[in-house]
C-alpha atoms as a PDB file:
ATOM      1  CA  MET A   1     -83.188-248.664 124.633  1.00  0.00           C
ATOM      2  CA  LYS A   2     -80.627-245.902 125.008  1.00  0.00           C
ATOM      3  CA  GLY A   3     -81.857-242.480 125.978  1.00  0.00           C
ATOM      4  CA  LEU A   4     -84.707-243.606 128.231  1.00  0.00           C
ATOM      5  CA  LYS A   5     -84.937-241.550 131.377  1.00  0.00           C
ATOM      6  CA  CYS A   6     -87.007-242.636 134.326  1.00  0.00           C
ATOM      7  CA  GLY A   7     -88.691-240.506 136.951  1.00  0.00           C
ATOM      8  CA  GLY A   8     -91.157-241.813 139.570  1.00  0.00           C
ATOM      9  CA  ASN A   9     -94.142-244.009 138.756  1.00  0.00           C
ATOM     10  CA  MET A  10     -95.067-244.370 135.116  1.00  0.00           C
ATOM     11  CA  TYR A  11     -97.521-246.114 132.856  1.00  0.00           C
ATOM     12  CA  VAL A  12     -95.646-247.935 130.098  1.00  0.00           C
ATOM     13  CA  ILE A  13     -96.515-249.419 126.730  1.00  0.00           C
ATOM     14  CA  LEU A  14     -93.617-251.458 125.372  1.00  0.00           C
ATOM     15  CA  VAL A  15     -93.424-252.724 121.792  1.00  0.00           C
ATOM     16  CA  TYR A  16     -90.621-254.836 120.402  1.00  0.00           C
ATOM     17  CA  ASP A  17     -89.559-256.086 116.989  1.00  0.00           C
ATOM     18  CA  ILE A  18     -87.061-258.954 116.936  1.00  0.00           C
ATOM     19  CA  ASN A  19     -85.362-259.920 113.672  1.00  0.00           C
ATOM     20  CA  LEU A  20     -85.986-263.636 113.181  1.00  0.00           C
ATOM     21  CA  GLU A  21     -83.983-264.101 109.973  1.00  0.00           C
ATOM     22  CA  GLU A  22     -81.126-265.747 111.867  1.00  0.00           C
ATOM     23  CA  LYS A  23     -81.349-268.759 114.182  1.00  0.00           C
ATOM     24  CA  GLU A  24     -80.320-266.566 117.126  1.00  0.00           C
ATOM     25  CA  GLY A  25     -83.481-264.469 116.660  1.00  0.00           C
ATOM     26  CA  GLN A  26     -85.736-267.125 118.219  1.00  0.00           C
ATOM     27  CA  ARG A  27     -83.587-267.202 121.365  1.00  0.00           C
ATOM     28  CA  VAL A  28     -83.636-263.403 121.582  1.00  0.00           C
ATOM     29  CA  LEU A  29     -87.419-263.372 121.097  1.00  0.00           C
ATOM     30  CA  ARG A  30     -88.003-265.937 123.877  1.00  0.00           C
ATOM     31  CA  ASN A  31     -85.795-264.033 126.320  1.00  0.00           C
ATOM     32  CA  VAL A  32     -87.266-260.613 125.509  1.00  0.00           C
ATOM     33  CA  TYR A  33     -90.799-262.009 125.938  1.00  0.00           C
ATOM     34  CA  LYS A  34     -89.934-263.587 129.319  1.00  0.00           C
ATOM     35  CA  ILE A  35     -88.308-260.385 130.582  1.00  0.00           C
ATOM     36  CA  CYS A  36     -91.231-258.195 129.523  1.00  0.00           C
ATOM     37  CA  LYS A  37     -93.708-260.648 131.093  1.00  0.00           C
ATOM     38  CA  LYS A  38     -91.920-260.260 134.468  1.00  0.00           C
ATOM     39  CA  TYR A  39     -92.641-256.532 134.585  1.00  0.00           C
ATOM     40  CA  LEU A  40     -95.653-255.878 132.348  1.00  0.00           C
ATOM     41  CA  VAL A  41     -98.908-257.425 131.107  1.00  0.00           C
ATOM     42  CA  HIS A  42     -98.829-259.071 127.670  1.00  0.00           C
ATOM     43  CA  ILE A  43    -101.700-257.608 125.661  1.00  0.00           C
ATOM     44  CA  GLN A  44    -100.984-258.510 122.039  1.00  0.00           C
ATOM     45  CA  ASN A  45     -98.139-260.268 120.169  1.00  0.00           C
ATOM     46  CA  SER A  46     -95.120-258.047 120.906  1.00  0.00           C
ATOM     47  CA  VAL A  47     -97.011-255.467 122.995  1.00  0.00           C
ATOM     48  CA  PHE A  48     -96.910-255.129 126.781  1.00  0.00           C
ATOM     49  CA  GLU A  49     -98.256-252.519 129.187  1.00  0.00           C
ATOM     50  CA  GLY A  50     -98.422-251.692 132.863  1.00  0.00           C
ATOM     51  CA  GLU A  51     -97.439-249.465 135.757  1.00  0.00           C
ATOM     52  CA  LEU A  52     -93.756-249.402 136.716  1.00  0.00           C
ATOM     53  CA  LEU A  53     -91.650-247.716 139.331  1.00  0.00           C
ATOM     54  CA  GLU A  54     -88.477-245.974 138.222  1.00  0.00           C
ATOM     55  CA  SER A  55     -86.416-248.832 139.700  1.00  0.00           C
ATOM     56  CA  GLN A  56     -88.450-251.435 137.791  1.00  0.00           C
ATOM     57  CA  MET A  57     -88.004-249.538 134.527  1.00  0.00           C
ATOM     58  CA  LEU A  58     -84.258-249.449 135.088  1.00  0.00           C
ATOM     59  CA  LYS A  59     -84.140-253.207 135.767  1.00  0.00           C
ATOM     60  CA  LEU A  60     -86.260-253.899 132.695  1.00  0.00           C
ATOM     61  CA  LYS A  61     -83.909-251.850 130.497  1.00  0.00           C
ATOM     62  CA  ILE A  62     -80.819-253.558 131.902  1.00  0.00           C
ATOM     63  CA  GLU A  63     -82.281-257.027 131.341  1.00  0.00           C
ATOM     64  CA  LEU A  64     -83.446-256.233 127.809  1.00  0.00           C
ATOM     65  CA  ASN A  65     -80.082-254.749 126.861  1.00  0.00           C
ATOM     66  CA  ARG A  66     -78.492-258.169 127.517  1.00  0.00           C
ATOM     67  CA  TYR A  67     -80.393-259.628 124.553  1.00  0.00           C
ATOM     68  CA  ILE A  68     -81.407-256.843 122.158  1.00  0.00           C
ATOM     69  CA  ARG A  69     -79.053-256.734 119.182  1.00  0.00           C
ATOM     70  CA  GLU A  70     -78.645-253.030 118.366  1.00  0.00           C
ATOM     71  CA  ASP A  71     -78.161-253.729 114.654  1.00  0.00           C
ATOM     72  CA  LYS A  72     -81.119-256.122 114.272  1.00  0.00           C
ATOM     73  CA  ASP A  73     -83.802-255.591 116.952  1.00  0.00           C
ATOM     74  CA  SER A  74     -85.782-252.701 118.368  1.00  0.00           C
ATOM     75  CA  VAL A  75     -87.752-251.882 121.491  1.00  0.00           C
ATOM     76  CA  ILE A  76     -89.970-248.815 121.785  1.00  0.00           C
ATOM     77  CA  VAL A  77     -91.250-247.654 125.170  1.00  0.00           C
ATOM     78  CA  PHE A  78     -94.115-245.179 125.402  1.00  0.00           C
ATOM     79  CA  LYS A  79     -94.385-243.613 128.855  1.00  0.00           C
ATOM     80  CA  SER A  80     -97.047-241.564 130.572  1.00  0.00           C
ATOM     81  CA  ARG A  81     -97.413-240.337 134.127  1.00  0.00           C
ATOM     82  CA  SER A  82    -100.615-242.347 134.479  1.00  0.00           C
ATOM     83  CA  GLN A  83    -102.904-244.668 132.534  1.00  0.00           C
ATOM     84  CA  ARG A  84    -105.707-242.119 133.006  1.00  0.00           C
ATOM     85  CA  TRP A  85    -103.943-239.777 130.554  1.00  0.00           C
ATOM     86  CA  LEU A  86    -104.183-242.414 127.837  1.00  0.00           C
ATOM     87  CA  ASP A  87    -107.311-243.141 125.811  1.00  0.00           C
ATOM     88  CA  LYS A  88    -107.475-246.707 124.483  1.00  0.00           C
ATOM     89  CA  GLU A  89    -109.574-247.807 121.554  1.00  0.00           C
ATOM     90  CA  PHE A  90    -109.797-251.402 120.345  1.00  0.00           C
ATOM     91  CA  LEU A  91    -110.663-252.371 116.781  1.00  0.00           C
ATOM     92  CA  GLY A  92    -111.230-255.912 115.541  1.00  0.00           C
ATOM     93  CA  ILE A  93    -111.109-259.066 117.628  1.00  0.00           C
ATOM     94  CA  LEU A  94    -110.539-258.651 121.330  1.00  0.00           C
ATOM     95  CA  GLU A  95    -110.437-262.006 123.141  1.00  0.00           C
ATOM     96  CA  GLU A  96    -110.561-260.409 126.585  1.00  0.00           C
ATOM     97  CA  ASP A  97    -109.619-257.091 128.118  1.00  0.00           C
ATOM     98  CA  LYS A  98    -106.188-258.036 129.477  1.00  0.00           C
ATOM     99  CA  THR A  99    -105.720-254.442 130.570  1.00  0.00           C
ATOM    100  CA  SER A 100    -108.656-254.409 132.979  1.00  0.00           C
ATOM    101  CA  ASN A 101    -106.620-255.682 135.947  1.00  0.00           C
ATOM    102  CA  PHE A 102    -105.075-252.299 136.739  1.00  0.00           C
ATOM    103  CA  LEU A 103    -106.309-250.415 139.748  1.00  0.00           C
END
């Protein structure tokens, strides 16, 4: 999570990988999922996306940093100025387009 800089509105795709080898991993996973769900739309397993303000991105980072174990877990955030600059292509099963609720 370190090194993320925020500036204005942004379209975000967030992907996380939580190490579940230890008992604590399940607790971390539950908390990371809940935090991400507050700010973004859950689209697939450990993948979230949505539009965020700079202040929301900062809050999200602060909340995630409470749980992410730097030596065991990872979070990757892809940012773009707008969703329109991102082409999406789906392969395989798609239950519903969970990303269609953006204006």
